[in-house]
Full PDB file with SEQRES, HELIX, SHEET, SSBOND, CRYST1, ORIGX, SCALE, CONECT and MASTER records, all heavy atoms in Angstrom:
SEQRES   1 A   44  GLU GLY ASN ASP GLY GLY ALA THR VAL SER THR ASP GLY          
SEQRES   2 A   44  GLY ALA THR TRP SER THR GLU HIS ASN GLN PRO THR GLY          
SEQRES   3 A   44  GLN PHE TYR HIS VAL ASN LEU ASP HIS GLN PHE PRO PHE          
SEQRES   4 A   44  HIS ILE TYR GLY ALA                                          
SHEET    1 AA1 2 GLY A   2  ASN A   3  0                                        
SHEET    2 AA1 2 GLY A   6  ALA A   7 -1                                        
SHEET    1 AA2 2 VAL A  31  LEU A  33  0                                        
SHEET    2 AA2 2 ILE A  41  GLY A  43 -1                                        
CRYST1    1.000    1.000    1.000  90.00  90.00  90.00 P 1           1          
ORIGX1      1.000000  0.000000  0.000000        0.00000                         
ORIGX2      0.000000  1.000000  0.000000        0.00000                         
ORIGX3      0.000000  0.000000  1.000000        0.00000                         
SCALE1      1.000000  0.000000  0.000000        0.00000                         
SCALE2      0.000000  1.000000  0.000000        0.00000                         
SCALE3      0.000000  0.000000  1.000000        0.00000                         
ATOM      1  N   GLU A   1       0.832  -1.202   0.000  1.00  0.00           N  
ATOM      2  CA  GLU A   1       0.000   0.000   0.000  1.00  0.00           C  
ATOM      3  C   GLU A   1       0.864   1.248   0.000  1.00  0.00           C  
ATOM      4  O   GLU A   1       1.915   1.287   0.643  1.00  0.00           O  
ATOM      5  CB  GLU A   1      -0.906  -0.032   1.240  1.00  0.00           C  
ATOM      6  CG  GLU A   1      -2.056   0.956   1.202  1.00  0.00           C  
ATOM      7  CD  GLU A   1      -1.781   2.221   2.009  1.00  0.00           C  
ATOM      8  OE1 GLU A   1      -0.698   2.315   2.625  1.00  0.00           O  
ATOM      9  OE2 GLU A   1      -2.642   3.119   2.008  1.00  0.00           O  
ATOM     10  N   GLY A   2       0.463   2.256  -0.787  1.00  0.00           N  
ATOM     11  CA  GLY A   2       1.188   3.517  -0.854  1.00  0.00           C  
ATOM     12  C   GLY A   2       0.393   4.647  -0.231  1.00  0.00           C  
ATOM     13  O   GLY A   2      -0.810   4.783  -0.486  1.00  0.00           O  
ATOM     14  N   ASN A   3       1.060   5.460   0.591  1.00  0.00           N  
ATOM     15  CA  ASN A   3       0.414   6.593   1.241  1.00  0.00           C  
ATOM     16  C   ASN A   3       1.383   7.772   1.311  1.00  0.00           C  
ATOM     17  O   ASN A   3       2.483   7.710   0.756  1.00  0.00           O  
ATOM     18  CB  ASN A   3      -0.089   6.191   2.633  1.00  0.00           C  
ATOM     19  CG  ASN A   3       1.005   5.581   3.482  1.00  0.00           C  
ATOM     20  OD1 ASN A   3       2.031   6.201   3.732  1.00  0.00           O  
ATOM     21  ND2 ASN A   3       0.812   4.328   3.925  1.00  0.00           N  
ATOM     22  N   ASP A   4       1.001   8.833   1.988  1.00  0.00           N  
ATOM     23  CA  ASP A   4       1.846  10.018   2.048  1.00  0.00           C  
ATOM     24  C   ASP A   4       3.075   9.831   2.928  1.00  0.00           C  
ATOM     25  O   ASP A   4       3.908  10.737   3.018  1.00  0.00           O  
ATOM     26  CB  ASP A   4       1.038  11.215   2.554  1.00  0.00           C  
ATOM     27  CG  ASP A   4       0.305  11.928   1.429  1.00  0.00           C  
ATOM     28  OD1 ASP A   4       0.207  11.343   0.332  1.00  0.00           O  
ATOM     29  OD2 ASP A   4      -0.161  13.061   1.635  1.00  0.00           O  
ATOM     30  N   GLY A   5       3.214   8.664   3.560  1.00  0.00           N  
ATOM     31  CA  GLY A   5       4.401   8.376   4.347  1.00  0.00           C  
ATOM     32  C   GLY A   5       5.290   7.322   3.716  1.00  0.00           C  
ATOM     33  O   GLY A   5       6.249   6.872   4.330  1.00  0.00           O  
ATOM     34  N   GLY A   6       4.982   6.916   2.479  1.00  0.00           N  
ATOM     35  CA  GLY A   6       5.794   5.926   1.790  1.00  0.00           C  
ATOM     36  C   GLY A   6       4.989   4.701   1.406  1.00  0.00           C  
ATOM     37  O   GLY A   6       3.767   4.749   1.244  1.00  0.00           O  
ATOM     38  N   ALA A   7       5.681   3.569   1.267  1.00  0.00           N  
ATOM     39  CA  ALA A   7       5.043   2.301   0.950  1.00  0.00           C  
ATOM     40  C   ALA A   7       5.153   1.368   2.148  1.00  0.00           C  
ATOM     41  O   ALA A   7       6.171   1.352   2.838  1.00  0.00           O  
ATOM     42  CB  ALA A   7       5.699   1.654  -0.269  1.00  0.00           C  
ATOM     43  N   THR A   8       4.102   0.597   2.381  1.00  0.00           N  
ATOM     44  CA  THR A   8       4.068  -0.287   3.542  1.00  0.00           C  
ATOM     45  C   THR A   8       3.458  -1.627   3.148  1.00  0.00           C  
ATOM     46  O   THR A   8       2.604  -1.694   2.255  1.00  0.00           O  
ATOM     47  CB  THR A   8       3.280   0.371   4.695  1.00  0.00           C  
ATOM     48  OG1 THR A   8       3.321  -0.463   5.846  1.00  0.00           O  
ATOM     49  CG2 THR A   8       1.843   0.611   4.298  1.00  0.00           C  
ATOM     50  N   VAL A   9       3.898  -2.701   3.792  1.00  0.00           N  
ATOM     51  CA  VAL A   9       3.510  -4.057   3.423  1.00  0.00           C  
ATOM     52  C   VAL A   9       2.804  -4.745   4.584  1.00  0.00           C  
ATOM     53  O   VAL A   9       3.211  -4.617   5.740  1.00  0.00           O  
ATOM     54  CB  VAL A   9       4.753  -4.891   3.017  1.00  0.00           C  
ATOM     55  CG1 VAL A   9       4.354  -6.334   2.725  1.00  0.00           C  
ATOM     56  CG2 VAL A   9       5.430  -4.275   1.805  1.00  0.00           C  
ATOM     57  N   SER A  10       1.747  -5.470   4.256  1.00  0.00           N  
ATOM     58  CA  SER A  10       1.072  -6.325   5.230  1.00  0.00           C  
ATOM     59  C   SER A  10       1.086  -7.754   4.717  1.00  0.00           C  
ATOM     60  O   SER A  10       0.886  -7.997   3.523  1.00  0.00           O  
ATOM     61  CB  SER A  10      -0.375  -5.873   5.452  1.00  0.00           C  
ATOM     62  OG  SER A  10      -1.050  -6.770   6.318  1.00  0.00           O  
ATOM     63  N   THR A  11       1.315  -8.696   5.612  1.00  0.00           N  
ATOM     64  CA  THR A  11       1.265 -10.124   5.253  1.00  0.00           C  
ATOM     65  C   THR A  11       0.091 -10.830   5.924  1.00  0.00           C  
ATOM     66  O   THR A  11      -0.028 -12.052   5.836  1.00  0.00           O  
ATOM     67  CB  THR A  11       2.575 -10.817   5.647  1.00  0.00           C  
ATOM     68  OG1 THR A  11       2.785 -10.673   7.050  1.00  0.00           O  
ATOM     69  CG2 THR A  11       3.749 -10.223   4.886  1.00  0.00           C  
ATOM     70  N   ASP A  12      -0.768 -10.041   6.587  1.00  0.00           N  
ATOM     71  CA  ASP A  12      -1.908 -10.627   7.293  1.00  0.00           C  
ATOM     72  C   ASP A  12      -3.208  -9.894   6.976  1.00  0.00           C  
ATOM     73  O   ASP A  12      -4.050  -9.697   7.838  1.00  0.00           O  
ATOM     74  CB  ASP A  12      -1.653 -10.642   8.801  1.00  0.00           C  
ATOM     75  CG  ASP A  12      -1.254  -9.282   9.352  1.00  0.00           C  
ATOM     76  OD1 ASP A  12      -1.440  -8.257   8.644  1.00  0.00           O  
ATOM     77  OD2 ASP A  12      -0.746  -9.231  10.488  1.00  0.00           O  
ATOM     78  N   GLY A  13      -3.337  -9.475   5.723  1.00  0.00           N  
ATOM     79  CA  GLY A  13      -4.586  -8.857   5.303  1.00  0.00           C  
ATOM     80  C   GLY A  13      -4.838  -7.480   5.864  1.00  0.00           C  
ATOM     81  O   GLY A  13      -5.982  -7.028   5.892  1.00  0.00           O  
ATOM     82  N   GLY A  14      -3.812  -6.792   6.306  1.00  0.00           N  
ATOM     83  CA  GLY A  14      -3.963  -5.425   6.795  1.00  0.00           C  
ATOM     84  C   GLY A  14      -4.028  -5.291   8.291  1.00  0.00           C  
ATOM     85  O   GLY A  14      -4.177  -4.172   8.799  1.00  0.00           O  
ATOM     86  N   ALA A  15      -3.895  -6.378   9.033  1.00  0.00           N  
ATOM     87  CA  ALA A  15      -3.915  -6.287  10.501  1.00  0.00           C  
ATOM     88  C   ALA A  15      -2.662  -5.590  11.021  1.00  0.00           C  
ATOM     89  O   ALA A  15      -2.734  -4.784  11.955  1.00  0.00           O  
ATOM     90  CB  ALA A  15      -4.051  -7.678  11.117  1.00  0.00           C  
ATOM     91  N   THR A  16      -1.503  -5.889  10.431  1.00  0.00           N  
ATOM     92  CA  THR A  16      -0.250  -5.247  10.802  1.00  0.00           C  
ATOM     93  C   THR A  16       0.484  -4.834   9.532  1.00  0.00           C  
ATOM     94  O   THR A  16       0.266  -5.399   8.444  1.00  0.00           O  
ATOM     95  CB  THR A  16       0.650  -6.174  11.638  1.00  0.00           C  
ATOM     96  OG1 THR A  16       0.947  -7.352  10.863  1.00  0.00           O  
ATOM     97  CG2 THR A  16      -0.049  -6.584  12.931  1.00  0.00           C  
ATOM     98  N   TRP A  17       1.397  -3.847   9.683  1.00  0.00           N  
ATOM     99  CA  TRP A  17       2.099  -3.288   8.524  1.00  0.00           C  
ATOM    100  C   TRP A  17       3.572  -3.069   8.833  1.00  0.00           C  
ATOM    101  O   TRP A  17       3.956  -2.875   9.995  1.00  0.00           O  
ATOM    102  CB  TRP A  17       1.478  -1.942   8.133  1.00  0.00           C  
ATOM    103  CG  TRP A  17       0.035  -2.035   7.739  1.00  0.00           C  
ATOM    104  CD1 TRP A  17      -1.050  -1.951   8.566  1.00  0.00           C  
ATOM    105  CD2 TRP A  17      -0.481  -2.250   6.425  1.00  0.00           C  
ATOM    106  NE1 TRP A  17      -2.210  -2.095   7.845  1.00  0.00           N  
ATOM    107  CE2 TRP A  17      -1.896  -2.271   6.524  1.00  0.00           C  
ATOM    108  CE3 TRP A  17       0.101  -2.403   5.166  1.00  0.00           C  
ATOM    109  CZ2 TRP A  17      -2.721  -2.449   5.421  1.00  0.00           C  
ATOM    110  CZ3 TRP A  17      -0.708  -2.579   4.065  1.00  0.00           C  
ATOM    111  CH2 TRP A  17      -2.112  -2.606   4.194  1.00  0.00           C  
ATOM    112  N   SER A  18       4.389  -3.083   7.785  1.00  0.00           N  
ATOM    113  CA  SER A  18       5.793  -2.716   7.939  1.00  0.00           C  
ATOM    114  C   SER A  18       5.889  -1.228   8.248  1.00  0.00           C  
ATOM    115  O   SER A  18       4.966  -0.453   7.993  1.00  0.00           O  
ATOM    116  CB  SER A  18       6.576  -3.050   6.662  1.00  0.00           C  
ATOM    117  OG  SER A  18       6.068  -2.313   5.554  1.00  0.00           O  
ATOM    118  N   THR A  19       7.034  -0.799   8.792  1.00  0.00           N  
ATOM    119  CA  THR A  19       7.189   0.575   9.237  1.00  0.00           C  
ATOM    120  C   THR A  19       7.244   1.552   8.077  1.00  0.00           C  
ATOM    121  O   THR A  19       7.624   1.193   6.954  1.00  0.00           O  
ATOM    122  CB  THR A  19       8.463   0.725  10.084  1.00  0.00           C  
ATOM    123  OG1 THR A  19       8.602   2.093  10.490  1.00  0.00           O  
ATOM    124  CG2 THR A  19       9.700   0.340   9.274  1.00  0.00           C  
ATOM    125  N   GLU A  20       6.891   2.808   8.356  1.00  0.00           N  
ATOM    126  CA  GLU A  20       6.963   3.847   7.325  1.00  0.00           C  
ATOM    127  C   GLU A  20       8.336   4.520   7.299  1.00  0.00           C  
ATOM    128  O   GLU A  20       8.715   5.132   6.301  1.00  0.00           O  
ATOM    129  CB  GLU A  20       5.899   4.918   7.588  1.00  0.00           C  
ATOM    130  CG  GLU A  20       6.065   5.628   8.929  1.00  0.00           C  
ATOM    131  CD  GLU A  20       5.031   6.700   9.150  1.00  0.00           C  
ATOM    132  OE1 GLU A  20       4.774   7.484   8.222  1.00  0.00           O  
ATOM    133  OE2 GLU A  20       4.476   6.756  10.254  1.00  0.00           O  
ATOM    134  N   HIS A  21       9.101   4.456   8.392  1.00  0.00           N  
ATOM    135  CA  HIS A  21      10.364   5.179   8.470  1.00  0.00           C  
ATOM    136  C   HIS A  21      11.518   4.337   7.947  1.00  0.00           C  
ATOM    137  O   HIS A  21      12.513   4.111   8.630  1.00  0.00           O  
ATOM    138  CB  HIS A  21      10.631   5.616   9.912  1.00  0.00           C  
ATOM    139  CG  HIS A  21       9.648   6.632  10.417  1.00  0.00           C  
ATOM    140  ND1 HIS A  21       9.278   7.731   9.676  1.00  0.00           N  
ATOM    141  CD2 HIS A  21       8.957   6.717  11.574  1.00  0.00           C  
ATOM    142  CE1 HIS A  21       8.404   8.452  10.364  1.00  0.00           C  
ATOM    143  NE2 HIS A  21       8.182   7.846  11.518  1.00  0.00           N  
ATOM    144  N   ASN A  22      11.401   3.855   6.711  1.00  0.00           N  
ATOM    145  CA  ASN A  22      12.491   3.090   6.122  1.00  0.00           C  
ATOM    146  C   ASN A  22      12.736   3.485   4.668  1.00  0.00           C  
ATOM    147  O   ASN A  22      13.318   2.728   3.915  1.00  0.00           O  
ATOM    148  CB  ASN A  22      12.234   1.582   6.239  1.00  0.00           C  
ATOM    149  CG  ASN A  22      10.933   1.163   5.580  1.00  0.00           C  
ATOM    150  OD1 ASN A  22      10.219   1.975   5.007  1.00  0.00           O  
ATOM    151  ND2 ASN A  22      10.618  -0.125   5.649  1.00  0.00           N  
ATOM    152  N   GLN A  23      12.290   4.678   4.283  1.00  0.00           N  
ATOM    153  CA  GLN A  23      12.502   5.196   2.930  1.00  0.00           C  
ATOM    154  C   GLN A  23      12.831   6.687   3.011  1.00  0.00           C  
ATOM    155  O   GLN A  23      12.014   7.462   3.492  1.00  0.00           O  
ATOM    156  CB  GLN A  23      11.247   5.004   2.078  1.00  0.00           C  
ATOM    157  CG  GLN A  23      10.756   3.579   2.001  1.00  0.00           C  
ATOM    158  CD  GLN A  23       9.246   3.492   1.901  1.00  0.00           C  
ATOM    159  OE1 GLN A  23       8.608   4.326   1.279  1.00  0.00           O  
ATOM    160  NE2 GLN A  23       8.669   2.482   2.529  1.00  0.00           N  
ATOM    161  N   PRO A  24      14.005   7.110   2.572  1.00  0.00           N  
ATOM    162  CA  PRO A  24      14.358   8.538   2.628  1.00  0.00           C  
ATOM    163  C   PRO A  24      13.819   9.285   1.412  1.00  0.00           C  
ATOM    164  O   PRO A  24      14.565   9.752   0.557  1.00  0.00           O  
ATOM    165  CB  PRO A  24      15.885   8.508   2.646  1.00  0.00           C  
ATOM    166  CG  PRO A  24      16.222   7.299   1.838  1.00  0.00           C  
ATOM    167  CD  PRO A  24      15.128   6.294   2.106  1.00  0.00           C  
ATOM    168  N   THR A  25      12.502   9.405   1.324  1.00  0.00           N  
ATOM    169  CA  THR A  25      11.878   9.984   0.130  1.00  0.00           C  
ATOM    170  C   THR A  25      10.988  11.172   0.454  1.00  0.00           C  
ATOM    171  O   THR A  25      10.118  11.530  -0.326  1.00  0.00           O  
ATOM    172  CB  THR A  25      11.052   8.910  -0.600  1.00  0.00           C  
ATOM    173  OG1 THR A  25      10.117   8.327   0.325  1.00  0.00           O  
ATOM    174  CG2 THR A  25      11.943   7.817  -1.153  1.00  0.00           C  
ATOM    175  N   GLY A  26      11.187  11.790   1.635  1.00  0.00           N  
ATOM    176  CA  GLY A  26      10.368  12.934   2.007  1.00  0.00           C  
ATOM    177  C   GLY A  26      10.541  14.096   1.036  1.00  0.00           C  
ATOM    178  O   GLY A  26      11.625  14.327   0.506  1.00  0.00           O  
ATOM    179  N   GLN A  27       9.464  14.825   0.809  1.00  0.00           N  
ATOM    180  CA  GLN A  27       9.482  15.969  -0.105  1.00  0.00           C  
ATOM    181  C   GLN A  27       9.676  17.254   0.694  1.00  0.00           C  
ATOM    182  O   GLN A  27       8.780  17.681   1.419  1.00  0.00           O  
ATOM    183  CB  GLN A  27       8.168  16.065  -0.872  1.00  0.00           C  
ATOM    184  CG  GLN A  27       7.873  14.886  -1.775  1.00  0.00           C  
ATOM    185  CD  GLN A  27       6.470  14.977  -2.317  1.00  0.00           C  
ATOM    186  OE1 GLN A  27       5.546  14.394  -1.756  1.00  0.00           O  
ATOM    187  NE2 GLN A  27       6.282  15.697  -3.403  1.00  0.00           N  
ATOM    188  N   PHE A  28      10.821  17.892   0.531  1.00  0.00           N  
ATOM    189  CA  PHE A  28      11.061  19.161   1.216  1.00  0.00           C  
ATOM    190  C   PHE A  28      10.659  20.323   0.307  1.00  0.00           C  
ATOM    191  O   PHE A  28      11.068  20.404  -0.843  1.00  0.00           O  
ATOM    192  CB  PHE A  28      12.534  19.285   1.601  1.00  0.00           C  
ATOM    193  CG  PHE A  28      12.843  18.741   2.969  1.00  0.00           C  
ATOM    194  CD1 PHE A  28      13.081  17.390   3.148  1.00  0.00           C  
ATOM    195  CD2 PHE A  28      12.849  19.575   4.074  1.00  0.00           C  
ATOM    196  CE1 PHE A  28      13.334  16.878   4.403  1.00  0.00           C  
ATOM    197  CE2 PHE A  28      13.098  19.070   5.334  1.00  0.00           C  
ATOM    198  CZ  PHE A  28      13.347  17.718   5.503  1.00  0.00           C  
ATOM    199  N   TYR A  29       9.876  21.235   0.873  1.00  0.00           N  
ATOM    200  CA  TYR A  29       9.457  22.406   0.123  1.00  0.00           C  
ATOM    201  C   TYR A  29      10.511  23.504   0.138  1.00  0.00           C  
ATOM    202  O   TYR A  29      10.603  24.305  -0.782  1.00  0.00           O  
ATOM    203  CB  TYR A  29       8.148  22.953   0.697  1.00  0.00           C  
ATOM    204  CG  TYR A  29       6.945  22.107   0.371  1.00  0.00           C  
ATOM    205  CD1 TYR A  29       6.298  21.353   1.349  1.00  0.00           C  
ATOM    206  CD2 TYR A  29       6.445  22.055  -0.923  1.00  0.00           C  
ATOM    207  CE1 TYR A  29       5.186  20.592   1.050  1.00  0.00           C  
ATOM    208  CE2 TYR A  29       5.335  21.295  -1.231  1.00  0.00           C  
ATOM    209  CZ  TYR A  29       4.712  20.562  -0.240  1.00  0.00           C  
ATOM    210  OH  TYR A  29       3.614  19.803  -0.551  1.00  0.00           O  
ATOM    211  N   HIS A  30      11.279  23.596   1.211  1.00  0.00           N  
ATOM    212  CA  HIS A  30      12.326  24.617   1.293  1.00  0.00           C  
ATOM    213  C   HIS A  30      13.291  24.229   2.393  1.00  0.00           C  
ATOM    214  O   HIS A  30      13.019  23.339   3.211  1.00  0.00           O  
ATOM    215  CB  HIS A  30      11.740  26.003   1.584  1.00  0.00           C  
ATOM    216  CG  HIS A  30      11.144  26.114   2.953  1.00  0.00           C  
ATOM    217  ND1 HIS A  30      11.880  26.496   4.045  1.00  0.00           N  
ATOM    218  CD2 HIS A  30       9.898  25.874   3.423  1.00  0.00           C  
ATOM    219  CE1 HIS A  30      11.107  26.486   5.124  1.00  0.00           C  
ATOM    220  NE2 HIS A  30       9.903  26.098   4.763  1.00  0.00           N  
ATOM    221  N   VAL A  31      14.446  24.895   2.441  1.00  0.00           N  
ATOM    222  CA  VAL A  31      15.475  24.623   3.440  1.00  0.00           C  
ATOM    223  C   VAL A  31      16.030  25.939   3.954  1.00  0.00           C  
ATOM    224  O   VAL A  31      16.245  26.879   3.178  1.00  0.00           O  
ATOM    225  CB  VAL A  31      16.626  23.780   2.839  1.00  0.00           C  
ATOM    226  CG1 VAL A  31      17.752  23.620   3.852  1.00  0.00           C  
ATOM    227  CG2 VAL A  31      16.131  22.415   2.411  1.00  0.00           C  
ATOM    228  N   ASN A  32      16.249  26.009   5.275  1.00  0.00           N  
ATOM    229  CA  ASN A  32      16.919  27.151   5.892  1.00  0.00           C  
ATOM    230  C   ASN A  32      18.049  26.664   6.791  1.00  0.00           C  
ATOM    231  O   ASN A  32      18.024  25.516   7.270  1.00  0.00           O  
ATOM    232  CB  ASN A  32      15.936  28.001   6.714  1.00  0.00           C  
ATOM    233  CG  ASN A  32      15.221  29.022   5.854  1.00  0.00           C  
ATOM    234  OD1 ASN A  32      15.865  29.837   5.200  1.00  0.00           O  
ATOM    235  ND2 ASN A  32      13.897  28.972   5.833  1.00  0.00           N  
ATOM    236  N   LEU A  33      19.035  27.533   7.039  1.00  0.00           N  
ATOM    237  CA  LEU A  33      20.185  27.213   7.885  1.00  0.00           C  
ATOM    238  C   LEU A  33      20.317  28.237   8.997  1.00  0.00           C  
ATOM    239  O   LEU A  33      19.825  29.364   8.878  1.00  0.00           O  
ATOM    240  CB  LEU A  33      21.474  27.214   7.056  1.00  0.00           C  
ATOM    241  CG  LEU A  33      21.476  26.396   5.755  1.00  0.00           C  
ATOM    242  CD1 LEU A  33      22.793  26.598   5.010  1.00  0.00           C  
ATOM    243  CD2 LEU A  33      21.241  24.926   6.041  1.00  0.00           C  
ATOM    244  N   ASP A  34      20.985  27.856  10.084  1.00  0.00           N  
ATOM    245  CA  ASP A  34      21.267  28.826  11.144  1.00  0.00           C  
ATOM    246  C   ASP A  34      22.782  29.016  11.267  1.00  0.00           C  
ATOM    247  O   ASP A  34      23.556  28.556  10.417  1.00  0.00           O  
ATOM    248  CB  ASP A  34      20.627  28.401  12.473  1.00  0.00           C  
ATOM    249  CG  ASP A  34      21.220  27.110  13.036  1.00  0.00           C  
ATOM    250  OD1 ASP A  34      22.328  26.714  12.620  1.00  0.00           O  
ATOM    251  OD2 ASP A  34      20.568  26.493  13.896  1.00  0.00           O  
ATOM    252  N   HIS A  35      23.219  29.723  12.354  1.00  0.00           N  
ATOM    253  CA  HIS A  35      24.626  30.081  12.494  1.00  0.00           C  
ATOM    254  C   HIS A  35      25.342  29.263  13.557  1.00  0.00           C  
ATOM    255  O   HIS A  35      26.428  29.637  14.000  1.00  0.00           O  
ATOM    256  CB  HIS A  35      24.746  31.577  12.821  1.00  0.00           C  
ATOM    257  CG  HIS A  35      24.297  32.461  11.700  1.00  0.00           C  
ATOM    258  ND1 HIS A  35      22.971  32.846  11.559  1.00  0.00           N  
ATOM    259  CD2 HIS A  35      24.961  33.000  10.659  1.00  0.00           C  
ATOM    260  CE1 HIS A  35      22.854  33.611  10.487  1.00  0.00           C  
ATOM    261  NE2 HIS A  35      24.049  33.727   9.926  1.00  0.00           N  
ATOM    262  N   GLN A  36      24.753  28.178  13.994  1.00  0.00           N  
ATOM    263  CA  GLN A  36      25.456  27.312  14.931  1.00  0.00           C  
ATOM    264  C   GLN A  36      26.641  26.632  14.223  1.00  0.00           C  
ATOM    265  O   GLN A  36      26.765  26.651  13.000  1.00  0.00           O  
ATOM    266  CB  GLN A  36      24.512  26.230  15.469  1.00  0.00           C  
ATOM    267  CG  GLN A  36      23.322  26.740  16.247  1.00  0.00           C  
ATOM    268  CD  GLN A  36      22.500  25.598  16.804  1.00  0.00           C  
ATOM    269  OE1 GLN A  36      22.957  24.884  17.696  1.00  0.00           O  
ATOM    270  NE2 GLN A  36      21.290  25.428  16.288  1.00  0.00           N  
ATOM    271  N   PHE A  37      27.502  26.017  15.023  1.00  0.00           N  
ATOM    272  CA  PHE A  37      28.584  25.212  14.464  1.00  0.00           C  
ATOM    273  C   PHE A  37      28.599  23.852  15.151  1.00  0.00           C  
ATOM    274  O   PHE A  37      28.814  23.796  16.373  1.00  0.00           O  
ATOM    275  CB  PHE A  37      29.947  25.893  14.640  1.00  0.00           C  
ATOM    276  CG  PHE A  37      31.061  25.106  13.989  1.00  0.00           C  
ATOM    277  CD1 PHE A  37      31.305  25.238  12.629  1.00  0.00           C  
ATOM    278  CD2 PHE A  37      31.823  24.220  14.729  1.00  0.00           C  
ATOM    279  CE1 PHE A  37      32.316  24.504  12.024  1.00  0.00           C  
ATOM    280  CE2 PHE A  37      32.827  23.470  14.127  1.00  0.00           C  
ATOM    281  CZ  PHE A  37      33.079  23.621  12.773  1.00  0.00           C  
ATOM    282  N   PRO A  38      28.396  22.758  14.419  1.00  0.00           N  
ATOM    283  CA  PRO A  38      27.973  22.749  13.010  1.00  0.00           C  
ATOM    284  C   PRO A  38      26.584  23.379  12.841  1.00  0.00           C  
ATOM    285  O   PRO A  38      25.755  23.325  13.758  1.00  0.00           O  
ATOM    286  CB  PRO A  38      27.928  21.262  12.673  1.00  0.00           C  
ATOM    287  CG  PRO A  38      28.672  20.562  13.751  1.00  0.00           C  
ATOM    288  CD  PRO A  38      28.511  21.392  14.975  1.00  0.00           C  
ATOM    289  N   PHE A  39      26.368  23.971  11.687  1.00  0.00           N  
ATOM    290  CA  PHE A  39      25.087  24.634  11.463  1.00  0.00           C  
ATOM    291  C   PHE A  39      23.962  23.596  11.445  1.00  0.00           C  
ATOM    292  O   PHE A  39      24.167  22.431  11.146  1.00  0.00           O  
ATOM    293  CB  PHE A  39      25.119  25.431  10.167  1.00  0.00           C  
ATOM    294  CG  PHE A  39      25.334  24.612   8.920  1.00  0.00           C  
ATOM    295  CD1 PHE A  39      24.274  24.011   8.257  1.00  0.00           C  
ATOM    296  CD2 PHE A  39      26.616  24.463   8.394  1.00  0.00           C  
ATOM    297  CE1 PHE A  39      24.478  23.255   7.110  1.00  0.00           C  
ATOM    298  CE2 PHE A  39      26.826  23.709   7.236  1.00  0.00           C  
ATOM    299  CZ  PHE A  39      25.759  23.110   6.602  1.00  0.00           C  
ATOM    300  N   HIS A  40      22.761  24.046  11.785  1.00  0.00           N  
ATOM    301  CA  HIS A  40      21.576  23.185  11.761  1.00  0.00           C  
ATOM    302  C   HIS A  40      20.719  23.525  10.548  1.00  0.00           C  
ATOM    303  O   HIS A  40      20.793  24.635  10.009  1.00  0.00           O  
ATOM    304  CB  HIS A  40      20.770  23.347  13.048  1.00  0.00           C  
ATOM    305  CG  HIS A  40      21.364  22.592  14.206  1.00  0.00           C  
ATOM    306  ND1 HIS A  40      20.609  21.899  15.108  1.00  0.00           N  
ATOM    307  CD2 HIS A  40      22.651  22.410  14.594  1.00  0.00           C  
ATOM    308  CE1 HIS A  40      21.376  21.332  16.009  1.00  0.00           C  
ATOM    309  NE2 HIS A  40      22.631  21.628  15.720  1.00  0.00           N  
ATOM    310  N   ILE A  41      19.903  22.561  10.163  1.00  0.00           N  
ATOM    311  CA  ILE A  41      19.099  22.655   8.951  1.00  0.00           C  
ATOM    312  C   ILE A  41      17.624  22.618   9.324  1.00  0.00           C  
ATOM    313  O   ILE A  41      17.208  21.851  10.200  1.00  0.00           O  
ATOM    314  CB  ILE A  41      19.431  21.490   8.000  1.00  0.00           C  
ATOM    315  CG1 ILE A  41      20.933  21.486   7.682  1.00  0.00           C  
ATOM    316  CG2 ILE A  41      18.619  21.569   6.713  1.00  0.00           C  
ATOM    317  CD1 ILE A  41      21.434  20.173   7.176  1.00  0.00           C  
ATOM    318  N   TYR A  42      16.834  23.438   8.644  1.00  0.00           N  
ATOM    319  CA  TYR A  42      15.401  23.538   8.917  1.00  0.00           C  
ATOM    320  C   TYR A  42      14.645  23.395   7.596  1.00  0.00           C  
ATOM    321  O   TYR A  42      15.076  23.907   6.563  1.00  0.00           O  
ATOM    322  CB  TYR A  42      15.057  24.893   9.542  1.00  0.00           C  
ATOM    323  CG  TYR A  42      15.808  25.190  10.810  1.00  0.00           C  
ATOM    324  CD1 TYR A  42      17.141  25.613  10.772  1.00  0.00           C  
ATOM    325  CD2 TYR A  42      15.201  25.063  12.055  1.00  0.00           C  
ATOM    326  CE1 TYR A  42      17.846  25.888  11.936  1.00  0.00           C  
ATOM    327  CE2 TYR A  42      15.892  25.346  13.231  1.00  0.00           C  
ATOM    328  CZ  TYR A  42      17.219  25.755  13.158  1.00  0.00           C  
ATOM    329  OH  TYR A  42      17.901  26.026  14.304  1.00  0.00           O  
ATOM    330  N   GLY A  43      13.512  22.703   7.626  1.00  0.00           N  
ATOM    331  CA  GLY A  43      12.725  22.596   6.407  1.00  0.00           C  
ATOM    332  C   GLY A  43      11.369  21.986   6.654  1.00  0.00           C  
ATOM    333  O   GLY A  43      11.140  21.322   7.667  1.00  0.00           O  
ATOM    334  N   ALA A  44      10.466  22.232   5.702  1.00  0.00           N  
ATOM    335  CA  ALA A  44       9.094  21.716   5.786  1.00  0.00           C  
ATOM    336  C   ALA A  44       8.900  20.646   4.726  1.00  0.00           C  
ATOM    337  O   ALA A  44       9.318  20.793   3.579  1.00  0.00           O  
ATOM    338  CB  ALA A  44       8.098  22.849   5.577  1.00  0.00           C  
TER     339      ALA A  44                                                      
MASTER        0    0    0    0    4    0    0    6  338    1    0    4          
END                                                                             
């Protein structure tokens, strides 16, 4: 099954599913940085 959090698999008819946090495919709309060292990254 595909959703806004990635693709997930069930082997028991939908009772349980594989995790969503195993695909680095998030869509970033923008990125910002700050002045820390190391600098930090911000985005939506």
